[in-house]
């Protein structure tokens, strides 16, 4: 009969230490790894809130994996007394303890206002958002948009109709309460120029397209698309029509003329004599009809390769794409 040798005490201790270390590492990783939230949330931290209270609030909001882990983290890094009161917005996605700490250390500025500009707004609609936030007078905003001095050679000259249409970049901004319309508009234009230069200029050059052409196409895609993954396909339809000298017949361009999202359009609306009416005039309209976001800019520079010439709105917000007028006009159950 074979006899197994008993482990010596030092060996036992070593194995126990290894096991404890592994268990500790697993627990640490499970508690300290980033947590995910499925939707945007806002948390208000009152003056005098302790790290324990803040830690519990973050856990209740789903931003951490344990009610005390944030407290231990900030104490370990000796920043627990530096966390600042305020209202904080956390976007849907993953948040690490380091990311959360950085935000709470930075604090919020009571002298600034957070303003979100959605995709697809006109200059006038953008102005309305800033007016509602109590930051500008609309007439002053529109006057500067029309006549301001801007250092971008792709913008129309001062006084041109719809001069900044398409170029007030959609994003979320922190605006100082004492800013004028000049500083606000300059910031939005600067953001567009930055995004364009970094992400789109090279591709536009490869295709031989100007900033104005791309933004105009993207603005139409932005207004027509209701389902995100249809943007490149809608862009392809418009490009296919341009390539065979076929009118674009975009309802969005007529709605731009009317100044309202009217639906359904009347036949009399389609007969309005305006260069923006793509039911009358060939090619792209004279300029953008709204400010497109990155998804529509990308779709306009990387359209799908299709032979579709038509698309029709469906009841669920999507579109039905067709190659021929006969297919397009044949009623389908889900047609709007």
C-alpha atoms as a PDB file:
ATOM      1  CA  UNK A   1       0.000   0.000   0.000  1.00  0.00           C
ATOM      2  CA  UNK A   2       1.408   3.332  -1.031  1.00  0.00           C
ATOM      3  CA  UNK A   3       1.543   6.027   1.557  1.00  0.00           C
ATOM      4  CA  UNK A   4       1.160   9.655   0.639  1.00  0.00           C
ATOM      5  CA  UNK A   5       3.460  12.069   2.289  1.00  0.00           C
ATOM      6  CA  UNK A   6       1.861  14.716   4.347  1.00  0.00           C
ATOM      7  CA  UNK A   7       2.553  18.259   3.221  1.00  0.00           C
ATOM      8  CA  UNK A   8       4.901  20.112   5.431  1.00  0.00           C
ATOM      9  CA  UNK A   9       3.534  23.106   7.284  1.00  0.00           C
ATOM     10  CA  UNK A  10       5.373  25.716   5.124  1.00  0.00           C
ATOM     11  CA  UNK A  11       3.947  24.129   1.990  1.00  0.00           C
ATOM     12  CA  UNK A  12       0.436  24.213   3.462  1.00  0.00           C
ATOM     13  CA  UNK A  13       0.829  27.863   4.372  1.00  0.00           C
ATOM     14  CA  UNK A  14       2.075  28.718   0.900  1.00  0.00           C
ATOM     15  CA  UNK A  15      -0.884  27.001  -0.774  1.00  0.00           C
ATOM     16  CA  UNK A  16      -3.332  28.717   1.564  1.00  0.00           C
ATOM     17  CA  UNK A  17      -1.741  32.075   0.761  1.00  0.00           C
ATOM     18  CA  UNK A  18      -2.049  31.390  -2.975  1.00  0.00           C
ATOM     19  CA  UNK A  19      -5.706  30.404  -2.596  1.00  0.00           C
ATOM     20  CA  UNK A  20      -6.480  33.505  -0.538  1.00  0.00           C
ATOM     21  CA  UNK A  21      -4.710  35.672  -3.090  1.00  0.00           C
ATOM     22  CA  UNK A  22      -6.641  34.138  -5.978  1.00  0.00           C
ATOM     23  CA  UNK A  23      -9.964  34.465  -4.184  1.00  0.00           C
ATOM     24  CA  UNK A  24      -9.149  38.072  -3.278  1.00  0.00           C
ATOM     25  CA  UNK A  25      -8.245  38.823  -6.892  1.00  0.00           C
ATOM     26  CA  UNK A  26     -11.519  37.344  -8.137  1.00  0.00           C
ATOM     27  CA  UNK A  27     -13.526  39.331  -5.599  1.00  0.00           C
ATOM     28  CA  UNK A  28     -11.588  42.512  -6.384  1.00  0.00           C
ATOM     29  CA  UNK A  29     -12.149  42.137 -10.118  1.00  0.00           C
ATOM     30  CA  UNK A  30     -15.847  41.380  -9.672  1.00  0.00           C
ATOM     31  CA  UNK A  31     -16.407  44.436  -7.473  1.00  0.00           C
ATOM     32  CA  UNK A  32     -14.016  46.953  -8.988  1.00  0.00           C
ATOM     33  CA  UNK A  33     -14.502  46.323 -12.697  1.00  0.00           C
ATOM     34  CA  UNK A  34     -16.632  48.886 -14.630  1.00  0.00           C
ATOM     35  CA  UNK A  35     -20.413  48.757 -14.269  1.00  0.00           C
ATOM     36  CA  UNK A  36     -22.829  49.385 -17.125  1.00  0.00           C
ATOM     37  CA  UNK A  37     -26.013  51.446 -17.250  1.00  0.00           C
ATOM     38  CA  UNK A  38     -28.546  51.054 -20.062  1.00  0.00           C
ATOM     39  CA  UNK A  39     -29.805  54.642 -20.121  1.00  0.00           C
ATOM     40  CA  UNK A  40     -28.617  58.154 -19.249  1.00  0.00           C
ATOM     41  CA  UNK A  41     -29.013  59.073 -15.590  1.00  0.00           C
ATOM     42  CA  UNK A  42     -28.547  62.177 -13.456  1.00  0.00           C
ATOM     43  CA  UNK A  43     -27.352  62.232  -9.833  1.00  0.00           C
ATOM     44  CA  UNK A  44     -27.428  65.208  -7.488  1.00  0.00           C
ATOM     45  CA  UNK A  45     -24.861  65.224  -4.692  1.00  0.00           C
ATOM     46  CA  UNK A  46     -25.703  67.659  -1.908  1.00  0.00           C
ATOM     47  CA  UNK A  47     -23.149  69.788  -0.077  1.00  0.00           C
ATOM     48  CA  UNK A  48     -21.572  67.908   2.809  1.00  0.00           C
ATOM     49  CA  UNK A  49     -22.309  64.432   1.432  1.00  0.00           C
ATOM     50  CA  UNK A  50     -19.821  61.894   2.770  1.00  0.00           C
ATOM     51  CA  UNK A  51     -18.032  59.378   0.577  1.00  0.00           C
ATOM     52  CA  UNK A  52     -20.260  56.695   2.136  1.00  0.00           C
ATOM     53  CA  UNK A  53     -23.426  58.504   1.042  1.00  0.00           C
ATOM     54  CA  UNK A  54     -22.020  59.133  -2.428  1.00  0.00           C
ATOM     55  CA  UNK A  55     -20.933  55.510  -2.720  1.00  0.00           C
ATOM     56  CA  UNK A  56     -24.437  54.306  -1.880  1.00  0.00           C
ATOM     57  CA  UNK A  57     -26.019  56.743  -4.363  1.00  0.00           C
ATOM     58  CA  UNK A  58     -23.765  55.488  -7.147  1.00  0.00           C
ATOM     59  CA  UNK A  59     -24.626  51.894  -6.343  1.00  0.00           C
ATOM     60  CA  UNK A  60     -28.350  52.622  -6.275  1.00  0.00           C
ATOM     61  CA  UNK A  61     -27.998  54.211  -9.716  1.00  0.00           C
ATOM     62  CA  UNK A  62     -26.260  51.100 -11.060  1.00  0.00           C
ATOM     63  CA  UNK A  63     -22.909  52.817 -11.564  1.00  0.00           C
ATOM     64  CA  UNK A  64     -20.967  50.515  -9.216  1.00  0.00           C
ATOM     65  CA  UNK A  65     -21.142  46.833  -8.291  1.00  0.00           C
ATOM     66  CA  UNK A  66     -21.200  47.289  -4.521  1.00  0.00           C
ATOM     67  CA  UNK A  67     -22.608  49.905  -2.141  1.00  0.00           C
ATOM     68  CA  UNK A  68     -19.211  50.505  -0.507  1.00  0.00           C
ATOM     69  CA  UNK A  69     -16.721  49.932  -3.298  1.00  0.00           C
ATOM     70  CA  UNK A  70     -16.564  53.582  -4.374  1.00  0.00           C
ATOM     71  CA  UNK A  71     -15.920  54.680  -0.800  1.00  0.00           C
ATOM     72  CA  UNK A  72     -12.996  52.241  -0.515  1.00  0.00           C
ATOM     73  CA  UNK A  73     -11.667  53.384  -3.885  1.00  0.00           C
ATOM     74  CA  UNK A  74     -11.599  57.105  -3.066  1.00  0.00           C
ATOM     75  CA  UNK A  75     -10.196  56.451   0.412  1.00  0.00           C
ATOM     76  CA  UNK A  76      -7.447  54.298  -1.085  1.00  0.00           C
ATOM     77  CA  UNK A  77      -6.551  57.114  -3.474  1.00  0.00           C
ATOM     78  CA  UNK A  78      -6.909  59.746  -0.723  1.00  0.00           C
ATOM     79  CA  UNK A  79      -9.446  61.794  -2.666  1.00  0.00           C
ATOM     80  CA  UNK A  80     -12.536  61.128  -0.536  1.00  0.00           C
ATOM     81  CA  UNK A  81     -12.490  64.674   0.886  1.00  0.00           C
ATOM     82  CA  UNK A  82     -12.105  66.276  -2.563  1.00  0.00           C
ATOM     83  CA  UNK A  83     -15.380  65.093  -4.124  1.00  0.00           C
ATOM     84  CA  UNK A  84     -17.594  68.025  -5.100  1.00  0.00           C
ATOM     85  CA  UNK A  85     -21.321  68.596  -4.793  1.00  0.00           C
ATOM     86  CA  UNK A  86     -23.439  69.152  -7.885  1.00  0.00           C
ATOM     87  CA  UNK A  87     -25.709  67.512 -10.433  1.00  0.00           C
ATOM     88  CA  UNK A  88     -23.895  65.040 -12.645  1.00  0.00           C
ATOM     89  CA  UNK A  89     -25.057  63.399 -15.871  1.00  0.00           C
ATOM     90  CA  UNK A  90     -23.855  59.910 -16.746  1.00  0.00           C
ATOM     91  CA  UNK A  91     -24.437  58.632 -20.270  1.00  0.00           C
ATOM     92  CA  UNK A  92     -25.529  55.063 -20.942  1.00  0.00           C
ATOM     93  CA  UNK A  93     -22.560  52.678 -21.146  1.00  0.00           C
ATOM     94  CA  UNK A  94     -19.679  51.452 -19.004  1.00  0.00           C
ATOM     95  CA  UNK A  95     -18.342  53.519 -16.113  1.00  0.00           C
ATOM     96  CA  UNK A  96     -15.169  52.730 -14.211  1.00  0.00           C
ATOM     97  CA  UNK A  97     -14.459  53.953 -10.685  1.00  0.00           C
ATOM     98  CA  UNK A  98     -11.659  56.090 -12.109  1.00  0.00           C
ATOM     99  CA  UNK A  99     -14.025  57.751 -14.617  1.00  0.00           C
ATOM    100  CA  UNK A 100     -16.618  58.489 -11.933  1.00  0.00           C
ATOM    101  CA  UNK A 101     -13.983  59.864  -9.558  1.00  0.00           C
ATOM    102  CA  UNK A 102     -12.606  62.168 -12.226  1.00  0.00           C
ATOM    103  CA  UNK A 103     -16.036  63.666 -12.852  1.00  0.00           C
ATOM    104  CA  UNK A 104     -16.815  64.154  -9.159  1.00  0.00           C
ATOM    105  CA  UNK A 105     -13.415  65.740  -8.561  1.00  0.00           C
ATOM    106  CA  UNK A 106     -13.922  68.153 -11.440  1.00  0.00           C
ATOM    107  CA  UNK A 107     -17.352  69.244 -10.211  1.00  0.00           C
ATOM    108  CA  UNK A 108     -19.983  71.230 -12.049  1.00  0.00           C
ATOM    109  CA  UNK A 109     -19.919  74.901 -12.842  1.00  0.00           C
ATOM    110  CA  UNK A 110     -22.913  76.837 -11.564  1.00  0.00           C
ATOM    111  CA  UNK A 111     -22.116  79.554 -14.092  1.00  0.00           C
ATOM    112  CA  UNK A 112     -22.632  77.276 -17.094  1.00  0.00           C
ATOM    113  CA  UNK A 113     -25.622  75.600 -18.738  1.00  0.00           C
ATOM    114  CA  UNK A 114     -25.644  72.228 -20.486  1.00  0.00           C
ATOM    115  CA  UNK A 115     -27.327  72.469 -23.890  1.00  0.00           C
ATOM    116  CA  UNK A 116     -27.944  69.561 -26.239  1.00  0.00           C
ATOM    117  CA  UNK A 117     -28.412  70.242 -29.950  1.00  0.00           C
ATOM    118  CA  UNK A 118     -30.043  67.210 -31.631  1.00  0.00           C
ATOM    119  CA  UNK A 119     -29.276  66.169 -35.197  1.00  0.00           C
ATOM    120  CA  UNK A 120     -31.459  67.496 -37.972  1.00  0.00           C
ATOM    121  CA  UNK A 121     -32.251  71.008 -36.719  1.00  0.00           C
ATOM    122  CA  UNK A 122     -32.259  74.167 -38.782  1.00  0.00           C
ATOM    123  CA  UNK A 123     -30.450  77.304 -37.639  1.00  0.00           C
ATOM    124  CA  UNK A 124     -33.741  78.758 -36.430  1.00  0.00           C
ATOM    125  CA  UNK A 125     -34.581  75.639 -34.440  1.00  0.00           C
ATOM    126  CA  UNK A 126     -31.094  75.639 -32.942  1.00  0.00           C
ATOM    127  CA  UNK A 127     -31.561  79.271 -31.934  1.00  0.00           C
ATOM    128  CA  UNK A 128     -34.834  78.327 -30.214  1.00  0.00           C
ATOM    129  CA  UNK A 129     -32.997  75.870 -27.960  1.00  0.00           C
ATOM    130  CA  UNK A 130     -30.582  78.549 -26.796  1.00  0.00           C
ATOM    131  CA  UNK A 131     -33.450  80.986 -26.324  1.00  0.00           C
ATOM    132  CA  UNK A 132     -35.288  78.431 -24.188  1.00  0.00           C
ATOM    133  CA  UNK A 133     -32.128  77.986 -22.102  1.00  0.00           C
ATOM    134  CA  UNK A 134     -32.175  81.736 -21.439  1.00  0.00           C
ATOM    135  CA  UNK A 135     -28.875  82.338 -23.215  1.00  0.00           C
ATOM    136  CA  UNK A 136     -29.639  84.432 -26.302  1.00  0.00           C
ATOM    137  CA  UNK A 137     -32.083  86.704 -28.057  1.00  0.00           C
ATOM    138  CA  UNK A 138     -33.256  84.904 -31.195  1.00  0.00           C
ATOM    139  CA  UNK A 139     -33.054  87.889 -33.493  1.00  0.00           C
ATOM    140  CA  UNK A 140     -29.504  88.665 -32.352  1.00  0.00           C
ATOM    141  CA  UNK A 141     -28.573  84.990 -32.852  1.00  0.00           C
ATOM    142  CA  UNK A 142     -30.007  84.902 -36.374  1.00  0.00           C
ATOM    143  CA  UNK A 143     -28.420  88.232 -37.312  1.00  0.00           C
ATOM    144  CA  UNK A 144     -24.962  87.047 -36.283  1.00  0.00           C
ATOM    145  CA  UNK A 145     -25.476  83.731 -38.085  1.00  0.00           C
ATOM    146  CA  UNK A 146     -26.313  85.652 -41.248  1.00  0.00           C
ATOM    147  CA  UNK A 147     -23.704  88.383 -41.067  1.00  0.00           C
ATOM    148  CA  UNK A 148     -20.895  87.290 -38.724  1.00  0.00           C
ATOM    149  CA  UNK A 149     -17.251  87.090 -39.756  1.00  0.00           C
ATOM    150  CA  UNK A 150     -16.231  83.405 -39.802  1.00  0.00           C
ATOM    151  CA  UNK A 151     -12.790  81.995 -40.730  1.00  0.00           C
ATOM    152  CA  UNK A 152     -14.051  79.067 -42.823  1.00  0.00           C
ATOM    153  CA  UNK A 153     -13.789  79.358 -46.594  1.00  0.00           C
ATOM    154  CA  UNK A 154     -16.463  76.702 -47.209  1.00  0.00           C
ATOM    155  CA  UNK A 155     -19.165  78.903 -45.658  1.00  0.00           C
ATOM    156  CA  UNK A 156     -21.207  81.232 -47.911  1.00  0.00           C
ATOM    157  CA  UNK A 157     -20.426  84.923 -47.811  1.00  0.00           C
ATOM    158  CA  UNK A 158     -21.998  87.165 -45.188  1.00  0.00           C
ATOM    159  CA  UNK A 159     -25.602  87.982 -45.999  1.00  0.00           C
ATOM    160  CA  UNK A 160     -26.176  84.834 -48.074  1.00  0.00           C
ATOM    161  CA  UNK A 161     -29.494  83.092 -47.644  1.00  0.00           C
ATOM    162  CA  UNK A 162     -29.436  80.174 -45.171  1.00  0.00           C
ATOM    163  CA  UNK A 163     -25.771  80.910 -44.626  1.00  0.00           C
ATOM    164  CA  UNK A 164     -24.945  78.615 -41.675  1.00  0.00           C
ATOM    165  CA  UNK A 165     -27.548  75.964 -42.419  1.00  0.00           C
ATOM    166  CA  UNK A 166     -25.981  72.558 -41.840  1.00  0.00           C
ATOM    167  CA  UNK A 167     -22.883  73.762 -40.003  1.00  0.00           C
ATOM    168  CA  UNK A 168     -24.036  74.301 -36.402  1.00  0.00           C
ATOM    169  CA  UNK A 169     -22.811  70.927 -35.250  1.00  0.00           C
ATOM    170  CA  UNK A 170     -25.171  68.747 -33.173  1.00  0.00           C
ATOM    171  CA  UNK A 171     -23.647  67.853 -29.809  1.00  0.00           C
ATOM    172  CA  UNK A 172     -23.934  68.527 -26.080  1.00  0.00           C
ATOM    173  CA  UNK A 173     -22.223  71.729 -24.948  1.00  0.00           C
ATOM    174  CA  UNK A 174     -21.493  73.486 -21.688  1.00  0.00           C
ATOM    175  CA  UNK A 175     -22.298  77.158 -22.268  1.00  0.00           C
ATOM    176  CA  UNK A 176     -21.173  79.939 -19.953  1.00  0.00           C
ATOM    177  CA  UNK A 177     -24.185  81.997 -18.918  1.00  0.00           C
ATOM    178  CA  UNK A 178     -22.543  85.265 -19.895  1.00  0.00           C
ATOM    179  CA  UNK A 179     -21.651  84.156 -23.429  1.00  0.00           C
ATOM    180  CA  UNK A 180     -23.046  86.094 -26.366  1.00  0.00           C
ATOM    181  CA  UNK A 181     -24.504  84.636 -29.540  1.00  0.00           C
ATOM    182  CA  UNK A 182     -21.089  85.225 -31.143  1.00  0.00           C
ATOM    183  CA  UNK A 183     -19.290  82.937 -28.717  1.00  0.00           C
ATOM    184  CA  UNK A 184     -21.979  80.272 -28.945  1.00  0.00           C
ATOM    185  CA  UNK A 185     -22.125  80.188 -32.744  1.00  0.00           C
ATOM    186  CA  UNK A 186     -18.334  80.342 -33.012  1.00  0.00           C
ATOM    187  CA  UNK A 187     -18.116  77.279 -30.755  1.00  0.00           C
ATOM    188  CA  UNK A 188     -20.628  75.264 -32.801  1.00  0.00           C
ATOM    189  CA  UNK A 189     -18.843  76.137 -36.038  1.00  0.00           C
ATOM    190  CA  UNK A 190     -15.485  75.279 -34.502  1.00  0.00           C
ATOM    191  CA  UNK A 191     -16.838  71.880 -33.446  1.00  0.00           C
ATOM    192  CA  UNK A 192     -18.045  71.171 -36.962  1.00  0.00           C
ATOM    193  CA  UNK A 193     -14.693  72.203 -38.425  1.00  0.00           C
ATOM    194  CA  UNK A 194     -12.828  69.989 -35.957  1.00  0.00           C
ATOM    195  CA  UNK A 195     -14.971  66.908 -36.657  1.00  0.00           C
ATOM    196  CA  UNK A 196     -14.874  67.504 -40.419  1.00  0.00           C
ATOM    197  CA  UNK A 197     -11.094  67.968 -40.526  1.00  0.00           C
ATOM    198  CA  UNK A 198     -10.362  64.936 -38.375  1.00  0.00           C
ATOM    199  CA  UNK A 199     -12.888  62.467 -39.793  1.00  0.00           C
ATOM    200  CA  UNK A 200     -14.205  63.477 -43.196  1.00  0.00           C
ATOM    201  CA  UNK A 201     -11.938  65.815 -45.149  1.00  0.00           C
ATOM    202  CA  UNK A 202      -9.672  63.079 -46.495  1.00  0.00           C
ATOM    203  CA  UNK A 203     -12.572  60.934 -47.690  1.00  0.00           C
ATOM    204  CA  UNK A 204     -14.260  63.928 -49.317  1.00  0.00           C
ATOM    205  CA  UNK A 205     -11.019  64.712 -51.156  1.00  0.00           C
ATOM    206  CA  UNK A 206     -10.802  61.099 -52.366  1.00  0.00           C
ATOM    207  CA  UNK A 207     -14.317  61.381 -53.802  1.00  0.00           C
ATOM    208  CA  UNK A 208     -13.723  64.857 -55.201  1.00  0.00           C
ATOM    209  CA  UNK A 209     -16.598  66.299 -53.209  1.00  0.00           C
ATOM    210  CA  UNK A 210     -16.731  69.687 -51.495  1.00  0.00           C
ATOM    211  CA  UNK A 211     -17.737  70.286 -47.896  1.00  0.00           C
ATOM    212  CA  UNK A 212     -20.956  71.898 -49.101  1.00  0.00           C
ATOM    213  CA  UNK A 213     -21.875  68.938 -51.336  1.00  0.00           C
ATOM    214  CA  UNK A 214     -21.328  66.377 -48.573  1.00  0.00           C
ATOM    215  CA  UNK A 215     -23.134  68.369 -45.881  1.00  0.00           C
ATOM    216  CA  UNK A 216     -26.051  69.068 -48.233  1.00  0.00           C
ATOM    217  CA  UNK A 217     -26.422  65.377 -49.038  1.00  0.00           C
ATOM    218  CA  UNK A 218     -25.999  64.450 -45.366  1.00  0.00           C
ATOM    219  CA  UNK A 219     -28.683  66.940 -44.343  1.00  0.00           C
ATOM    220  CA  UNK A 220     -31.175  65.281 -46.684  1.00  0.00           C
ATOM    221  CA  UNK A 221     -30.241  61.838 -45.377  1.00  0.00           C
ATOM    222  CA  UNK A 222     -30.637  63.134 -41.819  1.00  0.00           C
ATOM    223  CA  UNK A 223     -34.145  64.411 -42.466  1.00  0.00           C
ATOM    224  CA  UNK A 224     -35.324  61.374 -44.460  1.00  0.00           C
ATOM    225  CA  UNK A 225     -33.860  58.577 -42.300  1.00  0.00           C
ATOM    226  CA  UNK A 226     -35.804  57.393 -39.285  1.00  0.00           C
ATOM    227  CA  UNK A 227     -33.977  54.066 -38.919  1.00  0.00           C
ATOM    228  CA  UNK A 228     -30.239  54.406 -38.323  1.00  0.00           C
ATOM    229  CA  UNK A 229     -29.004  51.578 -40.541  1.00  0.00           C
ATOM    230  CA  UNK A 230     -30.947  52.923 -43.554  1.00  0.00           C
ATOM    231  CA  UNK A 231     -28.827  56.067 -43.861  1.00  0.00           C
ATOM    232  CA  UNK A 232     -26.216  54.609 -46.277  1.00  0.00           C
ATOM    233  CA  UNK A 233     -29.008  53.111 -48.403  1.00  0.00           C
ATOM    234  CA  UNK A 234     -30.930  56.385 -48.581  1.00  0.00           C
ATOM    235  CA  UNK A 235     -27.704  58.144 -49.570  1.00  0.00           C
ATOM    236  CA  UNK A 236     -27.207  55.589 -52.339  1.00  0.00           C
ATOM    237  CA  UNK A 237     -30.696  56.304 -53.733  1.00  0.00           C
ATOM    238  CA  UNK A 238     -29.970  60.020 -53.919  1.00  0.00           C
ATOM    239  CA  UNK A 239     -26.557  59.482 -55.516  1.00  0.00           C
ATOM    240  CA  UNK A 240     -28.046  57.021 -58.025  1.00  0.00           C
ATOM    241  CA  UNK A 241     -30.595  59.640 -59.035  1.00  0.00           C
ATOM    242  CA  UNK A 242     -27.971  62.362 -59.343  1.00  0.00           C
ATOM    243  CA  UNK A 243     -25.830  60.078 -61.529  1.00  0.00           C
ATOM    244  CA  UNK A 244     -28.622  59.543 -64.075  1.00  0.00           C
ATOM    245  CA  UNK A 245     -29.864  63.154 -63.930  1.00  0.00           C
ATOM    246  CA  UNK A 246     -33.096  62.203 -62.190  1.00  0.00           C
ATOM    247  CA  UNK A 247     -34.853  64.620 -59.853  1.00  0.00           C
ATOM    248  CA  UNK A 248     -34.247  63.777 -56.184  1.00  0.00           C
ATOM    249  CA  UNK A 249     -37.887  64.403 -55.212  1.00  0.00           C
ATOM    250  CA  UNK A 250     -37.100  64.633 -51.504  1.00  0.00           C
ATOM    251  CA  UNK A 251     -40.066  65.618 -49.341  1.00  0.00           C
ATOM    252  CA  UNK A 252     -37.590  66.953 -46.784  1.00  0.00           C
ATOM    253  CA  UNK A 253     -36.516  69.737 -49.143  1.00  0.00           C
ATOM    254  CA  UNK A 254     -40.129  70.871 -49.583  1.00  0.00           C
ATOM    255  CA  UNK A 255     -40.659  70.795 -45.827  1.00  0.00           C
ATOM    256  CA  UNK A 256     -37.567  73.002 -45.505  1.00  0.00           C
ATOM    257  CA  UNK A 257     -39.197  75.550 -47.804  1.00  0.00           C
ATOM    258  CA  UNK A 258     -42.429  75.416 -45.820  1.00  0.00           C
ATOM    259  CA  UNK A 259     -40.564  75.699 -42.513  1.00  0.00           C
ATOM    260  CA  UNK A 260     -42.616  72.884 -40.964  1.00  0.00           C
ATOM    261  CA  UNK A 261     -42.472  69.078 -40.972  1.00  0.00           C
ATOM    262  CA  UNK A 262     -45.753  68.831 -42.829  1.00  0.00           C
ATOM    263  CA  UNK A 263     -47.045  65.377 -43.704  1.00  0.00           C
ATOM    264  CA  UNK A 264     -48.538  64.435 -46.010  1.00  0.00           C
ATOM    265  CA  UNK A 265     -47.495  67.095 -48.463  1.00  0.00           C
ATOM    266  CA  UNK A 266     -50.073  68.454 -50.892  1.00  0.00           C
ATOM    267  CA  UNK A 267     -49.545  68.465 -54.644  1.00  0.00           C
ATOM    268  CA  UNK A 268     -49.570  72.260 -54.427  1.00  0.00           C
ATOM    269  CA  UNK A 269     -46.618  72.062 -51.996  1.00  0.00           C
ATOM    270  CA  UNK A 270     -44.616  70.103 -54.550  1.00  0.00           C
ATOM    271  CA  UNK A 271     -45.142  72.910 -57.086  1.00  0.00           C
ATOM    272  CA  UNK A 272     -43.575  75.692 -54.983  1.00  0.00           C
ATOM    273  CA  UNK A 273     -41.030  77.460 -57.170  1.00  0.00           C
ATOM    274  CA  UNK A 274     -37.884  77.380 -55.045  1.00  0.00           C
ATOM    275  CA  UNK A 275     -34.364  76.166 -55.877  1.00  0.00           C
ATOM    276  CA  UNK A 276     -34.716  73.972 -52.786  1.00  0.00           C
ATOM    277  CA  UNK A 277     -37.683  72.148 -54.335  1.00  0.00           C
ATOM    278  CA  UNK A 278     -36.144  68.913 -55.616  1.00  0.00           C
ATOM    279  CA  UNK A 279     -39.473  67.984 -57.209  1.00  0.00           C
ATOM    280  CA  UNK A 280     -38.901  70.819 -59.697  1.00  0.00           C
ATOM    281  CA  UNK A 281     -35.142  71.288 -59.928  1.00  0.00           C
ATOM    282  CA  UNK A 282     -32.480  68.684 -60.704  1.00  0.00           C
ATOM    283  CA  UNK A 283     -29.493  67.875 -58.542  1.00  0.00           C
ATOM    284  CA  UNK A 284     -28.804  68.793 -54.939  1.00  0.00           C
ATOM    285  CA  UNK A 285     -30.522  71.825 -53.414  1.00  0.00           C
ATOM    286  CA  UNK A 286     -28.418  75.019 -53.154  1.00  0.00           C
ATOM    287  CA  UNK A 287     -27.232  74.090 -49.650  1.00  0.00           C
ATOM    288  CA  UNK A 288     -27.964  72.002 -46.551  1.00  0.00           C
ATOM    289  CA  UNK A 289     -31.494  71.905 -45.166  1.00  0.00           C
ATOM    290  CA  UNK A 290     -30.482  71.010 -41.578  1.00  0.00           C
ATOM    291  CA  UNK A 291     -27.443  70.173 -39.473  1.00  0.00           C
ATOM    292  CA  UNK A 292     -26.534  66.499 -39.966  1.00  0.00           C
ATOM    293  CA  UNK A 293     -24.879  64.360 -37.324  1.00  0.00           C
ATOM    294  CA  UNK A 294     -21.875  62.121 -37.777  1.00  0.00           C
ATOM    295  CA  UNK A 295     -23.925  59.088 -38.836  1.00  0.00           C
ATOM    296  CA  UNK A 296     -25.431  60.954 -41.785  1.00  0.00           C
ATOM    297  CA  UNK A 297     -22.112  62.529 -42.748  1.00  0.00           C
ATOM    298  CA  UNK A 298     -20.548  59.068 -42.737  1.00  0.00           C
ATOM    299  CA  UNK A 299     -23.415  57.637 -44.822  1.00  0.00           C
ATOM    300  CA  UNK A 300     -22.990  60.415 -47.374  1.00  0.00           C
ATOM    301  CA  UNK A 301     -19.305  59.637 -47.779  1.00  0.00           C
ATOM    302  CA  UNK A 302     -19.696  55.861 -47.583  1.00  0.00           C
ATOM    303  CA  UNK A 303     -23.074  55.127 -49.235  1.00  0.00           C
ATOM    304  CA  UNK A 304     -24.226  51.585 -49.895  1.00  0.00           C
ATOM    305  CA  UNK A 305     -23.633  50.142 -53.342  1.00  0.00           C
ATOM    306  CA  UNK A 306     -27.185  49.665 -54.580  1.00  0.00           C
ATOM    307  CA  UNK A 307     -29.273  50.091 -57.696  1.00  0.00           C
ATOM    308  CA  UNK A 308     -32.312  51.457 -55.864  1.00  0.00           C
ATOM    309  CA  UNK A 309     -33.959  54.612 -57.203  1.00  0.00           C
ATOM    310  CA  UNK A 310     -36.954  54.874 -54.859  1.00  0.00           C
ATOM    311  CA  UNK A 311     -37.824  54.579 -51.192  1.00  0.00           C
ATOM    312  CA  UNK A 312     -41.188  54.778 -49.508  1.00  0.00           C
ATOM    313  CA  UNK A 313     -42.013  55.381 -45.838  1.00  0.00           C
ATOM    314  CA  UNK A 314     -43.459  52.481 -43.858  1.00  0.00           C
ATOM    315  CA  UNK A 315     -45.767  52.572 -40.845  1.00  0.00           C
ATOM    316  CA  UNK A 316     -42.960  51.496 -38.502  1.00  0.00           C
ATOM    317  CA  UNK A 317     -40.677  54.362 -39.546  1.00  0.00           C
ATOM    318  CA  UNK A 318     -38.527  52.307 -41.887  1.00  0.00           C
ATOM    319  CA  UNK A 319     -38.510  52.553 -45.695  1.00  0.00           C
ATOM    320  CA  UNK A 320     -39.267  50.180 -48.542  1.00  0.00           C
ATOM    321  CA  UNK A 321     -36.667  50.451 -51.318  1.00  0.00           C
ATOM    322  CA  UNK A 322     -37.434  49.818 -54.985  1.00  0.00           C
ATOM    323  CA  UNK A 323     -35.594  49.706 -58.291  1.00  0.00           C
ATOM    324  CA  UNK A 324     -38.500  50.634 -60.562  1.00  0.00           C
ATOM    325  CA  UNK A 325     -41.431  53.018 -60.390  1.00  0.00           C
ATOM    326  CA  UNK A 326     -43.790  50.072 -60.797  1.00  0.00           C
ATOM    327  CA  UNK A 327     -42.351  48.376 -57.681  1.00  0.00           C
ATOM    328  CA  UNK A 328     -42.470  51.672 -55.826  1.00  0.00           C
ATOM    329  CA  UNK A 329     -46.122  52.334 -56.675  1.00  0.00           C
ATOM    330  CA  UNK A 330     -47.353  48.801 -55.963  1.00  0.00           C
ATOM    331  CA  UNK A 331     -49.061  49.050 -52.552  1.00  0.00           C
ATOM    332  CA  UNK A 332     -47.690  46.971 -49.707  1.00  0.00           C
ATOM    333  CA  UNK A 333     -49.398  46.234 -46.346  1.00  0.00           C
ATOM    334  CA  UNK A 334     -46.921  48.289 -44.328  1.00  0.00           C
ATOM    335  CA  UNK A 335     -46.908  51.354 -46.591  1.00  0.00           C
ATOM    336  CA  UNK A 336     -47.598  54.623 -44.824  1.00  0.00           C
END
